[in-house]
Amino acid sequence: MTFPATTVRPGTVLADVLPASSAGRARVRDAALVLGGAALTGVAAQIAVPVPGSPVPVTGQTFAALLVGTSLGARRGFLALAFYAMAGVAGVPWFSQGESGLGLSSFGYVLGMLLAAVVVGALARRGGDRGVLRTAGTMAAGMAVTYAIGVPYLALATGMSAGEALAAGLVPFLVGDALKAALAMGALPAVWKLLGDER
């Protein structure tokens, strides 16, 4: 079953396809999407596997954050991840493994995901989630942004050298990130196909 292609306009992200009959209802929809995106990221963060020798576990939060950014677009994705970050700093225990607060050595990854949501959301508006290869590029860009902030923050927070931070905060996660990208490469273009956009 496919939806009419006329519902999909250029520059549209998945969240834009959800109907809103007035500007007020669109604001309510957007607020619900932002809160839902933050909650999804918080729930996914609890899927955590400790990595020997690293203070950073493998979690589902990066994948969730990239899906939120891609699906909601840059503005709503930023707001969702900003709410997630601020609530976690304020004490909501929904960072990885039920942690909260500003003093975590892995907090740089939360900041990285915030910026990554903006990047992937902007790419999605340009069709970066419509085909398998484009989705792979979008996910890779988002993950690169996450690590570009998370790894240096880890080094500063723990006193690790750059090499140690890369070994503890990047290398152990590459295989898992490839699997997450593969999931997105299958899921996002499939949803667009159902909506009638087969670019």
C-alpha atoms as a PDB file:
ATOM      1  CA  MET A   1       0.000   0.000   0.000  1.00  0.00           C
ATOM      2  CA  THR A   2       1.311   3.442  -0.916  1.00  0.00           C
ATOM      3  CA  PHE A   3       0.112   6.923  -0.087  1.00  0.00           C
ATOM      4  CA  PRO A   4      -0.507   9.441  -2.864  1.00  0.00           C
ATOM      5  CA  ALA A   5       2.731  10.959  -4.097  1.00  0.00           C
ATOM      6  CA  THR A   6       1.084  14.396  -4.034  1.00  0.00           C
ATOM      7  CA  THR A   7       1.380  14.441  -0.231  1.00  0.00           C
ATOM      8  CA  VAL A   8       5.184  14.500  -0.508  1.00  0.00           C
ATOM      9  CA  ARG A   9       6.635  17.881  -1.452  1.00  0.00           C
ATOM     10  CA  PRO A  10      10.272  18.806  -2.097  1.00  0.00           C
ATOM     11  CA  GLY A  11      12.009  19.791   1.116  1.00  0.00           C
ATOM     12  CA  THR A  12       9.728  17.563   3.187  1.00  0.00           C
ATOM     13  CA  VAL A  13      10.879  15.427   6.100  1.00  0.00           C
ATOM     14  CA  LEU A  14       8.834  12.549   7.462  1.00  0.00           C
ATOM     15  CA  ALA A  15       7.280  14.627  10.248  1.00  0.00           C
ATOM     16  CA  ASP A  16       5.892  17.096   7.693  1.00  0.00           C
ATOM     17  CA  VAL A  17       3.716  14.355   6.226  1.00  0.00           C
ATOM     18  CA  LEU A  18       1.694  14.159   9.453  1.00  0.00           C
ATOM     19  CA  PRO A  19      -1.485  16.184   8.914  1.00  0.00           C
ATOM     20  CA  ALA A  20      -2.237  19.435  10.729  1.00  0.00           C
ATOM     21  CA  SER A  21      -5.355  21.337   9.676  1.00  0.00           C
ATOM     22  CA  SER A  22      -4.338  24.680  11.201  1.00  0.00           C
ATOM     23  CA  ALA A  23      -1.287  26.559  12.431  1.00  0.00           C
ATOM     24  CA  GLY A  24      -2.311  25.881  16.033  1.00  0.00           C
ATOM     25  CA  ARG A  25      -2.606  22.161  15.423  1.00  0.00           C
ATOM     26  CA  ALA A  26       0.750  22.196  13.640  1.00  0.00           C
ATOM     27  CA  ARG A  27       2.327  23.717  16.762  1.00  0.00           C
ATOM     28  CA  VAL A  28       0.728  21.046  18.947  1.00  0.00           C
ATOM     29  CA  ARG A  29       1.938  18.360  16.545  1.00  0.00           C
ATOM     30  CA  ASP A  30       5.450  19.774  16.550  1.00  0.00           C
ATOM     31  CA  ALA A  31       5.550  20.000  20.347  1.00  0.00           C
ATOM     32  CA  ALA A  32       4.430  16.380  20.614  1.00  0.00           C
ATOM     33  CA  LEU A  33       7.078  15.322  18.099  1.00  0.00           C
ATOM     34  CA  VAL A  34       9.807  17.197  19.983  1.00  0.00           C
ATOM     35  CA  LEU A  35       8.840  15.621  23.316  1.00  0.00           C
ATOM     36  CA  GLY A  36       8.460  12.224  21.683  1.00  0.00           C
ATOM     37  CA  GLY A  37      11.877  12.523  20.061  1.00  0.00           C
ATOM     38  CA  ALA A  38      13.486  13.381  23.395  1.00  0.00           C
ATOM     39  CA  ALA A  39      11.706  10.478  25.099  1.00  0.00           C
ATOM     40  CA  LEU A  40      12.721   8.044  22.347  1.00  0.00           C
ATOM     41  CA  THR A  41      16.349   9.079  22.758  1.00  0.00           C
ATOM     42  CA  GLY A  42      16.108   8.657  26.523  1.00  0.00           C
ATOM     43  CA  VAL A  43      14.579   5.193  26.228  1.00  0.00           C
ATOM     44  CA  ALA A  44      17.134   4.115  23.614  1.00  0.00           C
ATOM     45  CA  ALA A  45      19.949   5.317  25.895  1.00  0.00           C
ATOM     46  CA  GLN A  46      18.956   2.607  28.373  1.00  0.00           C
ATOM     47  CA  ILE A  47      19.911  -0.040  25.816  1.00  0.00           C
ATOM     48  CA  ALA A  48      23.536  -0.020  26.935  1.00  0.00           C
ATOM     49  CA  VAL A  49      26.396  -2.499  26.755  1.00  0.00           C
ATOM     50  CA  PRO A  50      29.568  -1.633  28.705  1.00  0.00           C
ATOM     51  CA  VAL A  51      32.794  -1.560  26.687  1.00  0.00           C
ATOM     52  CA  PRO A  52      35.855  -2.944  28.513  1.00  0.00           C
ATOM     53  CA  GLY A  53      38.440  -0.198  28.988  1.00  0.00           C
ATOM     54  CA  SER A  54      36.074   2.605  28.027  1.00  0.00           C
ATOM     55  CA  PRO A  55      33.862   4.828  30.181  1.00  0.00           C
ATOM     56  CA  VAL A  56      31.467   5.079  27.222  1.00  0.00           C
ATOM     57  CA  PRO A  57      29.027   2.181  26.660  1.00  0.00           C
ATOM     58  CA  VAL A  58      27.497   1.097  23.367  1.00  0.00           C
ATOM     59  CA  THR A  59      23.948   2.446  23.458  1.00  0.00           C
ATOM     60  CA  GLY A  60      20.931   2.983  21.267  1.00  0.00           C
ATOM     61  CA  GLN A  61      20.837   6.726  21.897  1.00  0.00           C
ATOM     62  CA  THR A  62      23.019   7.762  18.960  1.00  0.00           C
ATOM     63  CA  PHE A  63      20.852   5.797  16.544  1.00  0.00           C
ATOM     64  CA  ALA A  64      17.698   7.274  18.081  1.00  0.00           C
ATOM     65  CA  ALA A  65      19.095  10.807  17.952  1.00  0.00           C
ATOM     66  CA  LEU A  66      19.969  10.462  14.263  1.00  0.00           C
ATOM     67  CA  LEU A  67      16.537   9.031  13.467  1.00  0.00           C
ATOM     68  CA  VAL A  68      14.916  11.879  15.379  1.00  0.00           C
ATOM     69  CA  GLY A  69      16.925  14.488  13.491  1.00  0.00           C
ATOM     70  CA  THR A  70      16.305  12.866  10.123  1.00  0.00           C
ATOM     71  CA  SER A  71      12.589  12.351  10.702  1.00  0.00           C
ATOM     72  CA  LEU A  72      11.812  15.691  12.346  1.00  0.00           C
ATOM     73  CA  GLY A  73      14.142  17.989  10.419  1.00  0.00           C
ATOM     74  CA  ALA A  74      16.844  20.299  11.727  1.00  0.00           C
ATOM     75  CA  ARG A  75      14.737  22.664  13.849  1.00  0.00           C
ATOM     76  CA  ARG A  76      12.531  20.104  15.582  1.00  0.00           C
ATOM     77  CA  GLY A  77      15.433  17.665  15.829  1.00  0.00           C
ATOM     78  CA  PHE A  78      17.522  20.326  17.568  1.00  0.00           C
ATOM     79  CA  LEU A  79      14.691  21.108  19.985  1.00  0.00           C
ATOM     80  CA  ALA A  80      14.155  17.420  20.788  1.00  0.00           C
ATOM     81  CA  LEU A  81      17.831  16.797  21.528  1.00  0.00           C
ATOM     82  CA  ALA A  82      18.157  20.104  23.390  1.00  0.00           C
ATOM     83  CA  PHE A  83      15.253  19.093  25.628  1.00  0.00           C
ATOM     84  CA  TYR A  84      16.832  15.663  26.122  1.00  0.00           C
ATOM     85  CA  ALA A  85      20.170  17.245  27.083  1.00  0.00           C
ATOM     86  CA  MET A  86      18.723  19.921  29.378  1.00  0.00           C
ATOM     87  CA  ALA A  87      16.390  17.511  31.158  1.00  0.00           C
ATOM     88  CA  GLY A  88      19.274  15.092  31.683  1.00  0.00           C
ATOM     89  CA  VAL A  89      21.483  17.847  33.080  1.00  0.00           C
ATOM     90  CA  ALA A  90      18.607  18.869  35.376  1.00  0.00           C
ATOM     91  CA  GLY A  91      18.441  15.360  36.812  1.00  0.00           C
ATOM     92  CA  VAL A  92      16.165  13.239  34.633  1.00  0.00           C
ATOM     93  CA  PRO A  93      17.936   9.840  34.670  1.00  0.00           C
ATOM     94  CA  TRP A  94      17.739   9.153  30.941  1.00  0.00           C
ATOM     95  CA  PHE A  95      21.329   9.453  29.809  1.00  0.00           C
ATOM     96  CA  SER A  96      23.009   6.098  29.190  1.00  0.00           C
ATOM     97  CA  GLN A  97      22.536   3.565  31.977  1.00  0.00           C
ATOM     98  CA  GLY A  98      20.123   5.827  33.857  1.00  0.00           C
ATOM     99  CA  GLU A  99      22.685   8.549  34.523  1.00  0.00           C
ATOM    100  CA  SER A 100      22.103  12.283  34.604  1.00  0.00           C
ATOM    101  CA  GLY A 101      24.015  15.487  35.242  1.00  0.00           C
ATOM    102  CA  LEU A 102      26.685  17.562  33.599  1.00  0.00           C
ATOM    103  CA  GLY A 103      29.785  15.853  34.985  1.00  0.00           C
ATOM    104  CA  LEU A 104      29.707  12.697  32.856  1.00  0.00           C
ATOM    105  CA  SER A 105      32.762  11.993  30.726  1.00  0.00           C
ATOM    106  CA  SER A 106      30.367  10.880  27.976  1.00  0.00           C
ATOM    107  CA  PHE A 107      28.410  14.163  27.989  1.00  0.00           C
ATOM    108  CA  GLY A 108      30.302  15.315  24.898  1.00  0.00           C
ATOM    109  CA  TYR A 109      28.465  12.652  22.913  1.00  0.00           C
ATOM    110  CA  VAL A 110      25.150  14.162  24.016  1.00  0.00           C
ATOM    111  CA  LEU A 111      26.345  17.553  22.745  1.00  0.00           C
ATOM    112  CA  GLY A 112      27.553  15.880  19.552  1.00  0.00           C
ATOM    113  CA  MET A 113      24.165  14.251  19.017  1.00  0.00           C
ATOM    114  CA  LEU A 114      22.506  17.641  19.433  1.00  0.00           C
ATOM    115  CA  LEU A 115      24.534  19.083  16.562  1.00  0.00           C
ATOM    116  CA  ALA A 116      24.266  15.845  14.569  1.00  0.00           C
ATOM    117  CA  ALA A 117      20.460  16.036  14.701  1.00  0.00           C
ATOM    118  CA  VAL A 118      20.675  19.444  13.032  1.00  0.00           C
ATOM    119  CA  VAL A 119      23.049  18.173  10.343  1.00  0.00           C
ATOM    120  CA  VAL A 120      21.048  15.063   9.446  1.00  0.00           C
ATOM    121  CA  GLY A 121      17.801  17.035   9.609  1.00  0.00           C
ATOM    122  CA  ALA A 122      19.149  19.560   7.107  1.00  0.00           C
ATOM    123  CA  LEU A 123      20.385  16.756   4.856  1.00  0.00           C
ATOM    124  CA  ALA A 124      17.005  15.027   5.061  1.00  0.00           C
ATOM    125  CA  ARG A 125      15.319  18.210   3.795  1.00  0.00           C
ATOM    126  CA  ARG A 126      17.528  17.837   0.720  1.00  0.00           C
ATOM    127  CA  GLY A 127      16.541  14.209   0.165  1.00  0.00           C
ATOM    128  CA  GLY A 128      19.338  12.681   2.241  1.00  0.00           C
ATOM    129  CA  ASP A 129      17.023   9.973   3.591  1.00  0.00           C
ATOM    130  CA  ARG A 130      15.280   8.988   0.344  1.00  0.00           C
ATOM    131  CA  GLY A 131      17.658   6.362  -1.055  1.00  0.00           C
ATOM    132  CA  VAL A 132      19.963   3.741   0.401  1.00  0.00           C
ATOM    133  CA  LEU A 133      23.249   5.449  -0.509  1.00  0.00           C
ATOM    134  CA  ARG A 134      22.037   8.922   0.430  1.00  0.00           C
ATOM    135  CA  THR A 135      20.801   7.619   3.773  1.00  0.00           C
ATOM    136  CA  ALA A 136      24.181   5.958   4.370  1.00  0.00           C
ATOM    137  CA  GLY A 137      25.897   9.294   3.728  1.00  0.00           C
ATOM    138  CA  THR A 138      23.487  11.141   6.009  1.00  0.00           C
ATOM    139  CA  MET A 139      24.005   8.679   8.866  1.00  0.00           C
ATOM    140  CA  ALA A 140      27.791   8.756   8.388  1.00  0.00           C
ATOM    141  CA  ALA A 141      27.776  12.560   8.555  1.00  0.00           C
ATOM    142  CA  GLY A 142      25.729  12.511  11.750  1.00  0.00           C
ATOM    143  CA  MET A 143      27.978   9.950  13.396  1.00  0.00           C
ATOM    144  CA  ALA A 144      31.083  11.888  12.365  1.00  0.00           C
ATOM    145  CA  VAL A 145      29.716  15.046  13.992  1.00  0.00           C
ATOM    146  CA  THR A 146      28.861  13.116  17.161  1.00  0.00           C
ATOM    147  CA  TYR A 147      32.397  11.756  17.464  1.00  0.00           C
ATOM    148  CA  ALA A 148      34.000  15.073  16.506  1.00  0.00           C
ATOM    149  CA  ILE A 149      32.585  16.529  19.715  1.00  0.00           C
ATOM    150  CA  GLY A 150      32.332  13.428  21.910  1.00  0.00           C
ATOM    151  CA  VAL A 151      35.906  12.163  21.586  1.00  0.00           C
ATOM    152  CA  PRO A 152      37.710  15.455  22.380  1.00  0.00           C
ATOM    153  CA  TYR A 153      35.315  16.020  25.291  1.00  0.00           C
ATOM    154  CA  LEU A 154      36.122  12.520  26.570  1.00  0.00           C
ATOM    155  CA  ALA A 155      39.844  13.313  26.388  1.00  0.00           C
ATOM    156  CA  LEU A 156      39.410  16.573  28.298  1.00  0.00           C
ATOM    157  CA  ALA A 157      37.096  15.070  30.920  1.00  0.00           C
ATOM    158  CA  THR A 158      39.308  12.070  31.661  1.00  0.00           C
ATOM    159  CA  GLY A 159      42.819  13.371  30.946  1.00  0.00           C
ATOM    160  CA  MET A 160      43.292  10.835  28.156  1.00  0.00           C
ATOM    161  CA  SER A 161      45.627  11.553  25.276  1.00  0.00           C
ATOM    162  CA  ALA A 162      44.079  11.989  21.842  1.00  0.00           C
ATOM    163  CA  GLY A 163      45.119   8.446  20.904  1.00  0.00           C
ATOM    164  CA  GLU A 164      43.689   6.992  24.094  1.00  0.00           C
ATOM    165  CA  ALA A 165      40.417   8.844  23.587  1.00  0.00           C
ATOM    166  CA  LEU A 166      40.132   7.552  20.027  1.00  0.00           C
ATOM    167  CA  ALA A 167      40.862   4.009  21.205  1.00  0.00           C
ATOM    168  CA  ALA A 168      38.300   4.217  24.014  1.00  0.00           C
ATOM    169  CA  GLY A 169      35.681   6.507  22.512  1.00  0.00           C
ATOM    170  CA  LEU A 170      35.625   5.764  18.778  1.00  0.00           C
ATOM    171  CA  VAL A 171      37.202   2.490  17.660  1.00  0.00           C
ATOM    172  CA  PRO A 172      35.023   0.124  19.756  1.00  0.00           C
ATOM    173  CA  PHE A 173      31.866   1.635  18.288  1.00  0.00           C
ATOM    174  CA  LEU A 174      32.573   1.474  14.553  1.00  0.00           C
ATOM    175  CA  VAL A 175      31.054  -1.965  13.938  1.00  0.00           C
ATOM    176  CA  GLY A 176      27.911  -1.086  15.871  1.00  0.00           C
ATOM    177  CA  ASP A 177      27.620   2.196  13.985  1.00  0.00           C
ATOM    178  CA  ALA A 178      27.827   0.333  10.691  1.00  0.00           C
ATOM    179  CA  LEU A 179      24.928  -1.867  11.821  1.00  0.00           C
ATOM    180  CA  LYS A 180      22.904   1.167  12.898  1.00  0.00           C
ATOM    181  CA  ALA A 181      23.536   2.807   9.531  1.00  0.00           C
ATOM    182  CA  ALA A 182      22.424  -0.369   7.765  1.00  0.00           C
ATOM    183  CA  LEU A 183      19.150  -0.341   9.731  1.00  0.00           C
ATOM    184  CA  ALA A 184      18.522   3.268   8.754  1.00  0.00           C
ATOM    185  CA  MET A 185      19.448   2.538   5.133  1.00  0.00           C
ATOM    186  CA  GLY A 186      16.688  -0.044   5.035  1.00  0.00           C
ATOM    187  CA  ALA A 187      14.043   1.697   7.122  1.00  0.00           C
ATOM    188  CA  LEU A 188      13.997   5.328   5.984  1.00  0.00           C
ATOM    189  CA  PRO A 189      13.866   4.801   2.204  1.00  0.00           C
ATOM    190  CA  ALA A 190      11.231   2.091   2.768  1.00  0.00           C
ATOM    191  CA  VAL A 191       9.001   4.555   4.618  1.00  0.00           C
ATOM    192  CA  TRP A 192       9.365   7.091   1.818  1.00  0.00           C
ATOM    193  CA  LYS A 193       8.496   4.410  -0.702  1.00  0.00           C
ATOM    194  CA  LEU A 194       5.282   3.691   1.216  1.00  0.00           C
ATOM    195  CA  LEU A 195       4.528   7.413   1.075  1.00  0.00           C
ATOM    196  CA  GLY A 196       4.876   7.372  -2.691  1.00  0.00           C
ATOM    197  CA  ASP A 197       8.303   8.988  -3.004  1.00  0.00           C
ATOM    198  CA  GLU A 198      10.672   6.602  -4.778  1.00  0.00           C
ATOM    199  CA  ARG A 199      13.569   8.907  -5.598  1.00  0.00           C
END
